[in-house]
Amino acid sequence: MEILEQTDQEAFLWLNGWVGHFPWLDALARLAVSDYLAPMVLSLALLGLWFTGATEARRERNQRGVMAAAMALGLASLVVEVLNNFLVRPRPFATLKVSLLFYQPVDSSFPANPAAIGFAVATAVWLWDRRVGTVLLIIAALYSLSRVYAGVQYPLDILGGWAIGIGAGVIATLVIRHFKPLPRLILRLARTLYLA
């Protein structure tokens, strides 16, 4: 375990050590790590998917993918919240000399909530639409990795978040695909309200 933590710390210090060497990269990292950009892009992608589809069947498939993504987001958030109550890992800036590009979050560093949420949404979408899902996976990966570069999370925090997010995306997709009355009910209600 000690070797794993040492490797994690060394990888963090190597990546965070680039801060200040390339001002354009620092500016991109500040943008990518923000609490707004990636979540907004993911949300707009889900909104776009909900209302698009060349045929009614394709639109309904997209809507089921959005339902799976929303369920995955909730599941990933719940898992991270529960784990944060039992696994408290200090943030890198609390124990190391880092170049910080972001504010100092106060919750546990492990697992990385932004990584879990980003990968939960992206994985669920990918399981329904490979093209859009691949784009969202890239966005979620950049969002996650920027947190290491910016000095607020370790690489293993990100990997833990990715694992939770992927698991949540798979579970939510299985629920939506196999418990058909739930998505039917949601779609019926949304159509009644002219939202689908």
N, C-alpha and C. Protein backbone atom coordinates (compact mmCIF):
# COMPACT_ATOMS: atom_id res chain seq x y z
N MET A 1 0.82 -1.19 0.00
CA MET A 1 0.00 0.00 0.00
C MET A 1 0.87 1.27 0.00
N GLU A 2 1.98 1.19 0.73
CA GLU A 2 2.88 2.34 0.81
C GLU A 2 3.48 2.67 -0.56
N ILE A 3 3.83 1.63 -1.32
CA ILE A 3 4.39 1.84 -2.66
C ILE A 3 3.36 2.50 -3.57
N LEU A 4 2.11 2.07 -3.45
CA LEU A 4 1.03 2.65 -4.25
C LEU A 4 0.86 4.13 -3.92
N GLU A 5 0.84 4.46 -2.65
CA GLU A 5 0.70 5.86 -2.23
C GLU A 5 1.89 6.70 -2.68
N GLN A 6 3.09 6.12 -2.61
CA GLN A 6 4.29 6.84 -3.03
C GLN A 6 4.25 7.09 -4.54
N THR A 7 3.85 6.09 -5.31
CA THR A 7 3.73 6.24 -6.76
C THR A 7 2.68 7.29 -7.10
N ASP A 8 1.57 7.25 -6.38
CA ASP A 8 0.49 8.22 -6.58
C ASP A 8 1.00 9.64 -6.32
N GLN A 9 1.73 9.80 -5.24
CA GLN A 9 2.27 11.11 -4.88
C GLN A 9 3.29 11.59 -5.91
N GLU A 10 4.15 10.69 -6.36
CA GLU A 10 5.15 11.05 -7.36
C GLU A 10 4.50 11.45 -8.68
N ALA A 11 3.47 10.71 -9.09
CA ALA A 11 2.75 11.06 -10.33
C ALA A 11 2.08 12.43 -10.18
N PHE A 12 1.50 12.66 -9.01
CA PHE A 12 0.88 13.97 -8.76
C PHE A 12 1.91 15.08 -8.87
N LEU A 13 3.04 14.93 -8.16
CA LEU A 13 4.06 15.97 -8.15
C LEU A 13 4.64 16.21 -9.54
N TRP A 14 4.78 15.16 -10.33
CA TRP A 14 5.28 15.33 -11.70
C TRP A 14 4.30 16.16 -12.52
N LEU A 15 3.02 15.80 -12.48
CA LEU A 15 2.03 16.51 -13.28
C LEU A 15 1.83 17.93 -12.78
N ASN A 16 1.68 18.10 -11.48
CA ASN A 16 1.49 19.44 -10.91
C ASN A 16 2.75 20.29 -11.06
N GLY A 17 3.89 19.65 -11.20
CA GLY A 17 5.15 20.37 -11.37
C GLY A 17 5.24 21.16 -12.66
N TRP A 18 4.37 20.89 -13.62
CA TRP A 18 4.37 21.62 -14.88
C TRP A 18 3.67 22.98 -14.77
N VAL A 19 2.92 23.18 -13.68
CA VAL A 19 2.22 24.46 -13.49
C VAL A 19 3.26 25.59 -13.46
N GLY A 20 2.97 26.64 -14.22
CA GLY A 20 3.86 27.80 -14.28
C GLY A 20 4.84 27.76 -15.44
N HIS A 21 5.03 26.61 -16.06
CA HIS A 21 5.96 26.50 -17.18
C HIS A 21 5.33 26.92 -18.50
N PHE A 22 4.04 26.69 -18.63
CA PHE A 22 3.31 27.02 -19.86
C PHE A 22 2.05 27.79 -19.48
N PRO A 23 2.08 29.13 -19.53
CA PRO A 23 0.92 29.93 -19.11
C PRO A 23 -0.37 29.56 -19.86
N TRP A 24 -0.26 29.20 -21.12
CA TRP A 24 -1.46 28.83 -21.88
C TRP A 24 -2.07 27.54 -21.34
N LEU A 25 -1.22 26.60 -20.89
CA LEU A 25 -1.72 25.35 -20.32
C LEU A 25 -2.36 25.60 -18.96
N ASP A 26 -1.78 26.51 -18.19
CA ASP A 26 -2.38 26.88 -16.90
C ASP A 26 -3.76 27.50 -17.11
N ALA A 27 -3.87 28.35 -18.12
CA ALA A 27 -5.17 28.99 -18.41
C ALA A 27 -6.20 27.95 -18.83
N LEU A 28 -5.79 27.00 -19.67
CA LEU A 28 -6.70 25.92 -20.07
C LEU A 28 -7.10 25.07 -18.88
N ALA A 29 -6.15 24.78 -18.00
CA ALA A 29 -6.44 23.96 -16.82
C ALA A 29 -7.42 24.68 -15.89
N ARG A 30 -7.23 25.99 -15.72
CA ARG A 30 -8.17 26.76 -14.88
C ARG A 30 -9.58 26.68 -15.44
N LEU A 31 -9.68 26.74 -16.75
CA LEU A 31 -10.99 26.64 -17.39
C LEU A 31 -11.56 25.23 -17.24
N ALA A 32 -10.73 24.23 -17.48
CA ALA A 32 -11.19 22.84 -17.43
C ALA A 32 -11.56 22.39 -16.03
N VAL A 33 -10.85 22.87 -15.02
CA VAL A 33 -11.06 22.41 -13.64
C VAL A 33 -12.25 23.11 -12.98
N SER A 34 -12.76 24.16 -13.59
CA SER A 34 -13.84 24.93 -12.96
C SER A 34 -15.06 24.04 -12.68
N ASP A 35 -15.82 24.47 -11.71
CA ASP A 35 -17.03 23.73 -11.33
C ASP A 35 -18.16 23.92 -12.34
N TYR A 36 -17.93 24.71 -13.38
CA TYR A 36 -19.01 25.08 -14.27
C TYR A 36 -18.89 24.54 -15.70
N LEU A 37 -17.71 24.61 -16.30
CA LEU A 37 -17.59 24.29 -17.72
C LEU A 37 -18.00 22.86 -18.06
N ALA A 38 -17.31 21.88 -17.53
CA ALA A 38 -17.62 20.48 -17.88
C ALA A 38 -19.02 20.08 -17.44
N PRO A 39 -19.46 20.42 -16.22
CA PRO A 39 -20.84 20.08 -15.86
C PRO A 39 -21.87 20.72 -16.79
N MET A 40 -21.61 21.97 -17.22
CA MET A 40 -22.53 22.63 -18.14
C MET A 40 -22.54 21.93 -19.50
N VAL A 41 -21.37 21.58 -20.01
CA VAL A 41 -21.29 20.89 -21.30
C VAL A 41 -22.01 19.54 -21.22
N LEU A 42 -21.78 18.79 -20.15
CA LEU A 42 -22.46 17.50 -19.98
C LEU A 42 -23.97 17.69 -19.91
N SER A 43 -24.41 18.70 -19.18
CA SER A 43 -25.85 18.97 -19.05
C SER A 43 -26.47 19.36 -20.39
N LEU A 44 -25.79 20.23 -21.13
CA LEU A 44 -26.30 20.63 -22.44
C LEU A 44 -26.33 19.46 -23.41
N ALA A 45 -25.35 18.58 -23.31
CA ALA A 45 -25.35 17.38 -24.17
C ALA A 45 -26.55 16.51 -23.85
N LEU A 46 -26.87 16.34 -22.56
CA LEU A 46 -28.04 15.54 -22.18
C LEU A 46 -29.32 16.21 -22.66
N LEU A 47 -29.40 17.52 -22.53
CA LEU A 47 -30.58 18.25 -23.00
C LEU A 47 -30.74 18.08 -24.51
N GLY A 48 -29.64 18.20 -25.23
CA GLY A 48 -29.68 18.01 -26.68
C GLY A 48 -30.10 16.61 -27.07
N LEU A 49 -29.55 15.62 -26.37
CA LEU A 49 -29.92 14.23 -26.66
C LEU A 49 -31.40 13.98 -26.40
N TRP A 50 -31.93 14.57 -25.34
CA TRP A 50 -33.33 14.35 -24.96
C TRP A 50 -34.28 14.75 -26.10
N PHE A 51 -33.94 15.84 -26.80
CA PHE A 51 -34.86 16.37 -27.80
C PHE A 51 -34.46 16.04 -29.24
N THR A 52 -33.43 15.22 -29.45
CA THR A 52 -33.03 14.92 -30.83
C THR A 52 -33.21 13.45 -31.16
N GLY A 53 -33.24 13.20 -32.44
CA GLY A 53 -33.38 11.85 -32.97
C GLY A 53 -34.08 11.93 -34.32
N ALA A 54 -33.49 11.32 -35.32
CA ALA A 54 -34.06 11.39 -36.68
C ALA A 54 -35.43 10.74 -36.76
N THR A 55 -35.65 9.73 -35.94
CA THR A 55 -36.94 9.05 -35.92
C THR A 55 -37.46 9.04 -34.48
N GLU A 56 -38.72 8.71 -34.33
CA GLU A 56 -39.29 8.64 -32.98
C GLU A 56 -38.58 7.57 -32.15
N ALA A 57 -38.25 6.44 -32.79
CA ALA A 57 -37.56 5.37 -32.08
C ALA A 57 -36.17 5.83 -31.61
N ARG A 58 -35.47 6.57 -32.48
CA ARG A 58 -34.13 7.06 -32.11
C ARG A 58 -34.23 8.08 -30.97
N ARG A 59 -35.23 8.96 -31.06
CA ARG A 59 -35.41 9.96 -30.01
C ARG A 59 -35.71 9.27 -28.67
N GLU A 60 -36.56 8.23 -28.70
CA GLU A 60 -36.87 7.51 -27.47
C GLU A 60 -35.63 6.80 -26.93
N ARG A 61 -34.81 6.27 -27.81
CA ARG A 61 -33.55 5.64 -27.37
C ARG A 61 -32.65 6.68 -26.70
N ASN A 62 -32.55 7.85 -27.31
CA ASN A 62 -31.76 8.93 -26.71
C ASN A 62 -32.30 9.31 -25.33
N GLN A 63 -33.62 9.37 -25.22
CA GLN A 63 -34.24 9.75 -23.95
C GLN A 63 -33.97 8.69 -22.88
N ARG A 64 -33.96 7.45 -23.27
CA ARG A 64 -33.61 6.40 -22.31
C ARG A 64 -32.15 6.52 -21.88
N GLY A 65 -31.29 6.90 -22.81
CA GLY A 65 -29.89 7.15 -22.46
C GLY A 65 -29.74 8.30 -21.48
N VAL A 66 -30.53 9.35 -21.67
CA VAL A 66 -30.50 10.48 -20.74
C VAL A 66 -31.00 10.06 -19.37
N MET A 67 -32.05 9.23 -19.34
CA MET A 67 -32.55 8.72 -18.06
C MET A 67 -31.47 7.90 -17.35
N ALA A 68 -30.78 7.07 -18.11
CA ALA A 68 -29.70 6.27 -17.53
C ALA A 68 -28.59 7.17 -17.00
N ALA A 69 -28.27 8.23 -17.74
CA ALA A 69 -27.22 9.16 -17.30
C ALA A 69 -27.62 9.87 -16.01
N ALA A 70 -28.88 10.29 -15.92
CA ALA A 70 -29.35 10.96 -14.70
C ALA A 70 -29.32 10.00 -13.51
N MET A 71 -29.74 8.76 -13.75
CA MET A 71 -29.71 7.76 -12.68
C MET A 71 -28.27 7.46 -12.27
N ALA A 72 -27.38 7.36 -13.24
CA ALA A 72 -25.96 7.09 -12.96
C ALA A 72 -25.34 8.23 -12.16
N LEU A 73 -25.68 9.45 -12.51
CA LEU A 73 -25.18 10.61 -11.77
C LEU A 73 -25.60 10.53 -10.30
N GLY A 74 -26.86 10.23 -10.07
CA GLY A 74 -27.35 10.11 -8.70
C GLY A 74 -26.68 8.98 -7.94
N LEU A 75 -26.52 7.84 -8.60
CA LEU A 75 -25.89 6.68 -7.97
C LEU A 75 -24.43 6.97 -7.63
N ALA A 76 -23.70 7.56 -8.58
CA ALA A 76 -22.29 7.88 -8.34
C ALA A 76 -22.15 8.87 -7.20
N SER A 77 -23.01 9.88 -7.17
CA SER A 77 -22.97 10.87 -6.08
C SER A 77 -23.21 10.21 -4.73
N LEU A 78 -24.17 9.29 -4.70
CA LEU A 78 -24.48 8.59 -3.45
C LEU A 78 -23.29 7.75 -2.98
N VAL A 79 -22.68 7.02 -3.89
CA VAL A 79 -21.53 6.18 -3.53
C VAL A 79 -20.37 7.04 -3.01
N VAL A 80 -20.09 8.15 -3.69
CA VAL A 80 -19.01 9.03 -3.25
C VAL A 80 -19.33 9.62 -1.88
N GLU A 81 -20.56 10.03 -1.67
CA GLU A 81 -20.96 10.59 -0.37
C GLU A 81 -20.77 9.58 0.75
N VAL A 82 -21.19 8.35 0.51
CA VAL A 82 -21.03 7.30 1.53
C VAL A 82 -19.55 7.04 1.79
N LEU A 83 -18.77 6.90 0.73
CA LEU A 83 -17.33 6.63 0.90
C LEU A 83 -16.61 7.77 1.61
N ASN A 84 -17.03 9.01 1.32
CA ASN A 84 -16.39 10.16 1.98
C ASN A 84 -16.59 10.15 3.49
N ASN A 85 -17.62 9.46 3.96
CA ASN A 85 -17.85 9.36 5.40
C ASN A 85 -16.93 8.34 6.06
N PHE A 86 -16.35 7.44 5.26
CA PHE A 86 -15.50 6.39 5.81
C PHE A 86 -14.03 6.52 5.40
N LEU A 87 -13.80 7.03 4.22
CA LEU A 87 -12.44 7.18 3.71
C LEU A 87 -12.11 8.66 3.61
N VAL A 88 -11.35 9.15 4.55
CA VAL A 88 -10.97 10.56 4.53
C VAL A 88 -9.51 10.66 4.12
N ARG A 89 -9.30 11.20 2.94
CA ARG A 89 -7.94 11.39 2.44
C ARG A 89 -7.70 12.88 2.27
N PRO A 90 -6.66 13.41 2.89
CA PRO A 90 -6.38 14.84 2.74
C PRO A 90 -6.06 15.19 1.28
N ARG A 91 -6.43 16.38 0.90
CA ARG A 91 -6.11 16.88 -0.44
C ARG A 91 -4.60 17.09 -0.56
N PRO A 92 -4.06 17.05 -1.77
CA PRO A 92 -2.61 17.23 -1.95
C PRO A 92 -2.09 18.54 -1.35
N PHE A 93 -2.85 19.62 -1.51
CA PHE A 93 -2.38 20.91 -1.00
C PHE A 93 -2.33 20.96 0.53
N ALA A 94 -2.98 20.00 1.19
CA ALA A 94 -2.96 19.96 2.66
C ALA A 94 -1.69 19.31 3.20
N THR A 95 -1.03 18.51 2.37
CA THR A 95 0.14 17.77 2.86
C THR A 95 1.41 18.01 2.04
N LEU A 96 1.27 18.59 0.87
CA LEU A 96 2.43 18.80 -0.01
C LEU A 96 2.53 20.26 -0.42
N LYS A 97 3.70 20.63 -0.89
CA LYS A 97 3.88 21.96 -1.48
C LYS A 97 3.46 21.83 -2.94
N VAL A 98 2.34 22.46 -3.28
CA VAL A 98 1.79 22.33 -4.63
C VAL A 98 1.63 23.71 -5.27
N SER A 99 1.49 23.70 -6.58
CA SER A 99 1.13 24.90 -7.32
C SER A 99 -0.37 24.82 -7.55
N LEU A 100 -1.12 25.58 -6.80
CA LEU A 100 -2.58 25.47 -6.79
C LEU A 100 -3.19 26.43 -7.81
N LEU A 101 -4.03 25.90 -8.71
CA LEU A 101 -4.71 26.71 -9.71
C LEU A 101 -6.21 26.83 -9.44
N PHE A 102 -6.65 26.35 -8.30
CA PHE A 102 -8.08 26.24 -8.02
C PHE A 102 -8.29 26.50 -6.54
N TYR A 103 -9.52 26.76 -6.15
CA TYR A 103 -9.78 26.94 -4.72
C TYR A 103 -9.54 25.63 -3.98
N GLN A 104 -9.50 25.68 -2.67
CA GLN A 104 -9.19 24.50 -1.86
C GLN A 104 -10.47 23.81 -1.38
N PRO A 105 -10.91 22.74 -2.06
CA PRO A 105 -12.09 22.01 -1.59
C PRO A 105 -11.83 21.42 -0.20
N VAL A 106 -12.89 21.26 0.58
CA VAL A 106 -12.72 20.79 1.96
C VAL A 106 -13.13 19.33 2.16
N ASP A 107 -13.73 18.71 1.16
CA ASP A 107 -14.14 17.32 1.32
C ASP A 107 -12.96 16.39 1.06
N SER A 108 -13.18 15.11 1.29
CA SER A 108 -12.13 14.11 1.10
C SER A 108 -11.68 14.07 -0.35
N SER A 109 -10.40 13.84 -0.53
CA SER A 109 -9.84 13.80 -1.87
C SER A 109 -10.24 12.52 -2.61
N PHE A 110 -10.40 11.42 -1.86
CA PHE A 110 -10.73 10.12 -2.47
C PHE A 110 -12.13 9.71 -2.07
N PRO A 111 -12.91 9.25 -3.03
CA PRO A 111 -12.72 9.28 -4.48
C PRO A 111 -13.10 10.64 -5.03
N ALA A 112 -12.62 10.94 -6.22
CA ALA A 112 -12.87 12.24 -6.84
C ALA A 112 -14.31 12.32 -7.34
N ASN A 113 -15.10 13.15 -6.69
CA ASN A 113 -16.50 13.31 -7.07
C ASN A 113 -16.67 13.79 -8.51
N PRO A 114 -15.91 14.81 -8.98
CA PRO A 114 -16.08 15.24 -10.37
C PRO A 114 -15.78 14.12 -11.37
N ALA A 115 -14.79 13.29 -11.06
CA ALA A 115 -14.46 12.16 -11.95
C ALA A 115 -15.59 11.15 -11.96
N ALA A 116 -16.14 10.86 -10.79
CA ALA A 116 -17.24 9.89 -10.69
C ALA A 116 -18.47 10.38 -11.46
N ILE A 117 -18.83 11.63 -11.26
CA ILE A 117 -20.02 12.17 -11.92
C ILE A 117 -19.81 12.27 -13.43
N GLY A 118 -18.65 12.80 -13.83
CA GLY A 118 -18.38 12.92 -15.26
C GLY A 118 -18.41 11.58 -15.97
N PHE A 119 -17.76 10.59 -15.38
CA PHE A 119 -17.72 9.27 -16.01
C PHE A 119 -19.05 8.53 -15.89
N ALA A 120 -19.83 8.80 -14.86
CA ALA A 120 -21.15 8.18 -14.76
C ALA A 120 -22.03 8.63 -15.92
N VAL A 121 -22.08 9.93 -16.14
CA VAL A 121 -22.89 10.48 -17.23
C VAL A 121 -22.36 10.01 -18.58
N ALA A 122 -21.05 10.15 -18.79
CA ALA A 122 -20.46 9.80 -20.08
C ALA A 122 -20.58 8.32 -20.40
N THR A 123 -20.39 7.47 -19.40
CA THR A 123 -20.51 6.02 -19.62
C THR A 123 -21.93 5.64 -19.98
N ALA A 124 -22.90 6.18 -19.24
CA ALA A 124 -24.30 5.87 -19.54
C ALA A 124 -24.66 6.31 -20.95
N VAL A 125 -24.23 7.50 -21.34
CA VAL A 125 -24.52 7.97 -22.70
C VAL A 125 -23.81 7.08 -23.71
N TRP A 126 -22.56 6.73 -23.45
CA TRP A 126 -21.79 5.90 -24.38
C TRP A 126 -22.47 4.55 -24.62
N LEU A 127 -23.09 4.00 -23.61
CA LEU A 127 -23.76 2.70 -23.75
C LEU A 127 -25.02 2.80 -24.62
N TRP A 128 -25.49 4.01 -24.87
CA TRP A 128 -26.66 4.21 -25.74
C TRP A 128 -26.27 4.82 -27.08
N ASP A 129 -25.23 5.67 -27.08
CA ASP A 129 -24.81 6.37 -28.30
C ASP A 129 -23.29 6.52 -28.26
N ARG A 130 -22.60 5.67 -29.00
CA ARG A 130 -21.13 5.63 -28.96
C ARG A 130 -20.49 6.96 -29.37
N ARG A 131 -21.04 7.61 -30.38
CA ARG A 131 -20.44 8.84 -30.89
C ARG A 131 -20.48 9.96 -29.84
N VAL A 132 -21.65 10.25 -29.34
CA VAL A 132 -21.79 11.30 -28.32
C VAL A 132 -21.10 10.88 -27.04
N GLY A 133 -21.24 9.62 -26.67
CA GLY A 133 -20.60 9.12 -25.46
C GLY A 133 -19.09 9.25 -25.48
N THR A 134 -18.48 9.01 -26.62
CA THR A 134 -17.02 9.14 -26.74
C THR A 134 -16.59 10.58 -26.49
N VAL A 135 -17.32 11.52 -27.07
CA VAL A 135 -17.01 12.94 -26.85
C VAL A 135 -17.14 13.27 -25.36
N LEU A 136 -18.20 12.79 -24.73
CA LEU A 136 -18.41 13.07 -23.31
C LEU A 136 -17.35 12.40 -22.43
N LEU A 137 -16.90 11.21 -22.82
CA LEU A 137 -15.82 10.55 -22.08
C LEU A 137 -14.53 11.36 -22.15
N ILE A 138 -14.24 11.93 -23.30
CA ILE A 138 -13.05 12.76 -23.45
C ILE A 138 -13.16 14.01 -22.57
N ILE A 139 -14.34 14.64 -22.59
CA ILE A 139 -14.56 15.82 -21.75
C ILE A 139 -14.42 15.46 -20.27
N ALA A 140 -15.03 14.34 -19.87
CA ALA A 140 -14.95 13.91 -18.46
C ALA A 140 -13.51 13.59 -18.06
N ALA A 141 -12.75 12.99 -18.97
CA ALA A 141 -11.35 12.67 -18.67
C ALA A 141 -10.52 13.95 -18.51
N LEU A 142 -10.71 14.91 -19.40
CA LEU A 142 -9.97 16.17 -19.30
C LEU A 142 -10.36 16.93 -18.03
N TYR A 143 -11.64 16.93 -17.71
CA TYR A 143 -12.14 17.56 -16.48
C TYR A 143 -11.47 16.92 -15.26
N SER A 144 -11.41 15.61 -15.26
CA SER A 144 -10.83 14.88 -14.13
C SER A 144 -9.33 15.12 -14.02
N LEU A 145 -8.62 14.94 -15.11
CA LEU A 145 -7.16 15.06 -15.08
C LEU A 145 -6.71 16.49 -14.79
N SER A 146 -7.51 17.47 -15.18
CA SER A 146 -7.16 18.86 -14.89
C SER A 146 -7.12 19.10 -13.38
N ARG A 147 -7.86 18.31 -12.62
CA ARG A 147 -7.87 18.47 -11.16
C ARG A 147 -6.54 18.04 -10.55
N VAL A 148 -5.87 17.08 -11.17
CA VAL A 148 -4.54 16.68 -10.70
C VAL A 148 -3.55 17.79 -11.05
N TYR A 149 -3.59 18.23 -12.29
CA TYR A 149 -2.69 19.30 -12.74
C TYR A 149 -2.86 20.55 -11.87
N ALA A 150 -4.12 20.87 -11.52
CA ALA A 150 -4.43 22.08 -10.75
C ALA A 150 -4.10 21.96 -9.27
N GLY A 151 -3.75 20.76 -8.80
CA GLY A 151 -3.29 20.60 -7.43
C GLY A 151 -4.35 20.22 -6.41
N VAL A 152 -5.53 19.78 -6.85
CA VAL A 152 -6.59 19.50 -5.88
C VAL A 152 -6.89 18.02 -5.68
N GLN A 153 -6.35 17.13 -6.53
CA GLN A 153 -6.59 15.69 -6.34
C GLN A 153 -5.40 14.89 -6.83
N TYR A 154 -5.26 13.71 -6.24
CA TYR A 154 -4.22 12.77 -6.64
C TYR A 154 -4.73 11.92 -7.81
N PRO A 155 -3.82 11.34 -8.60
CA PRO A 155 -4.24 10.46 -9.70
C PRO A 155 -5.12 9.29 -9.24
N LEU A 156 -4.81 8.67 -8.09
CA LEU A 156 -5.64 7.55 -7.62
C LEU A 156 -7.05 8.00 -7.23
N ASP A 157 -7.19 9.25 -6.80
CA ASP A 157 -8.53 9.79 -6.51
C ASP A 157 -9.35 9.79 -7.79
N ILE A 158 -8.69 10.18 -8.88
CA ILE A 158 -9.36 10.24 -10.18
C ILE A 158 -9.71 8.83 -10.64
N LEU A 159 -8.77 7.89 -10.54
CA LEU A 159 -9.04 6.51 -10.96
C LEU A 159 -10.19 5.91 -10.15
N GLY A 160 -10.23 6.19 -8.85
CA GLY A 160 -11.34 5.72 -8.02
C GLY A 160 -12.66 6.31 -8.48
N GLY A 161 -12.65 7.59 -8.80
CA GLY A 161 -13.86 8.24 -9.32
C GLY A 161 -14.30 7.65 -10.64
N TRP A 162 -13.31 7.40 -11.52
CA TRP A 162 -13.65 6.79 -12.81
C TRP A 162 -14.30 5.43 -12.61
N ALA A 163 -13.75 4.62 -11.72
CA ALA A 163 -14.31 3.28 -11.48
C ALA A 163 -15.75 3.38 -10.97
N ILE A 164 -15.99 4.29 -10.04
CA ILE A 164 -17.35 4.48 -9.52
C ILE A 164 -18.28 4.95 -10.63
N GLY A 165 -17.82 5.91 -11.42
CA GLY A 165 -18.64 6.45 -12.50
C GLY A 165 -18.98 5.41 -13.56
N ILE A 166 -17.99 4.64 -13.96
CA ILE A 166 -18.24 3.59 -14.96
C ILE A 166 -19.21 2.56 -14.40
N GLY A 167 -19.00 2.14 -13.17
CA GLY A 167 -19.92 1.19 -12.54
C GLY A 167 -21.33 1.73 -12.45
N ALA A 168 -21.47 2.99 -12.06
CA ALA A 168 -22.80 3.60 -11.96
C ALA A 168 -23.46 3.69 -13.33
N GLY A 169 -22.67 4.03 -14.36
CA GLY A 169 -23.22 4.12 -15.72
C GLY A 169 -23.73 2.78 -16.22
N VAL A 170 -22.98 1.73 -15.94
CA VAL A 170 -23.38 0.37 -16.36
C VAL A 170 -24.63 -0.07 -15.60
N ILE A 171 -24.64 0.13 -14.29
CA ILE A 171 -25.80 -0.28 -13.49
C ILE A 171 -27.06 0.47 -13.92
N ALA A 172 -26.94 1.79 -14.09
CA ALA A 172 -28.11 2.58 -14.49
C ALA A 172 -28.63 2.15 -15.86
N THR A 173 -27.72 1.86 -16.78
CA THR A 173 -28.14 1.41 -18.11
C THR A 173 -28.86 0.07 -18.02
N LEU A 174 -28.35 -0.83 -17.20
CA LEU A 174 -29.02 -2.13 -17.02
C LEU A 174 -30.42 -1.94 -16.44
N VAL A 175 -30.56 -1.04 -15.48
CA VAL A 175 -31.87 -0.78 -14.88
C VAL A 175 -32.84 -0.25 -15.93
N ILE A 176 -32.40 0.74 -16.70
CA ILE A 176 -33.28 1.33 -17.72
C ILE A 176 -33.63 0.31 -18.80
N ARG A 177 -32.68 -0.52 -19.18
CA ARG A 177 -32.94 -1.51 -20.24
C ARG A 177 -33.82 -2.67 -19.77
N HIS A 178 -33.71 -3.06 -18.52
CA HIS A 178 -34.41 -4.27 -18.07
C HIS A 178 -35.66 -4.02 -17.24
N PHE A 179 -35.81 -2.84 -16.69
CA PHE A 179 -37.02 -2.51 -15.93
C PHE A 179 -37.82 -1.50 -16.75
N LYS A 180 -38.40 -2.00 -17.83
CA LYS A 180 -39.04 -1.15 -18.83
C LYS A 180 -40.20 -0.29 -18.31
N PRO A 181 -40.96 -0.71 -17.30
CA PRO A 181 -42.05 0.15 -16.84
C PRO A 181 -41.57 1.52 -16.34
N LEU A 182 -40.39 1.59 -15.73
CA LEU A 182 -39.90 2.86 -15.21
C LEU A 182 -39.66 3.88 -16.32
N PRO A 183 -38.88 3.57 -17.36
CA PRO A 183 -38.70 4.56 -18.42
C PRO A 183 -39.99 4.87 -19.17
N ARG A 184 -40.86 3.86 -19.33
CA ARG A 184 -42.14 4.12 -19.99
C ARG A 184 -42.96 5.14 -19.21
N LEU A 185 -43.00 4.98 -17.90
CA LEU A 185 -43.75 5.90 -17.05
C LEU A 185 -43.17 7.31 -17.14
N ILE A 186 -41.85 7.42 -17.08
CA ILE A 186 -41.20 8.73 -17.17
C ILE A 186 -41.48 9.38 -18.52
N LEU A 187 -41.37 8.61 -19.60
CA LEU A 187 -41.63 9.16 -20.93
C LEU A 187 -43.09 9.56 -21.09
N ARG A 188 -43.99 8.76 -20.57
CA ARG A 188 -45.42 9.09 -20.66
C ARG A 188 -45.70 10.41 -19.93
N LEU A 189 -45.14 10.55 -18.75
CA LEU A 189 -45.32 11.78 -17.98
C LEU A 189 -44.70 12.97 -18.71
N ALA A 190 -43.50 12.80 -19.25
CA ALA A 190 -42.83 13.88 -19.97
C ALA A 190 -43.63 14.28 -21.21
N ARG A 191 -44.21 13.32 -21.91
CA ARG A 191 -45.02 13.64 -23.09
C ARG A 191 -46.29 14.38 -22.70
N THR A 192 -46.89 13.99 -21.59
CA THR A 192 -48.09 14.68 -21.10
C THR A 192 -47.78 16.15 -20.82
N LEU A 193 -46.58 16.42 -20.34
CA LEU A 193 -46.16 17.79 -20.03
C LEU A 193 -45.46 18.47 -21.21
N TYR A 194 -45.50 17.84 -22.39
CA TYR A 194 -44.86 18.35 -23.61
C TYR A 194 -43.35 18.53 -23.43
N LEU A 195 -42.75 17.62 -22.71
CA LEU A 195 -41.30 17.66 -22.48
C LEU A 195 -40.57 16.51 -23.17
N ALA A 196 -41.27 15.77 -24.00
CA ALA A 196 -40.62 14.68 -24.72
C ALA A 196 -41.32 14.45 -26.04
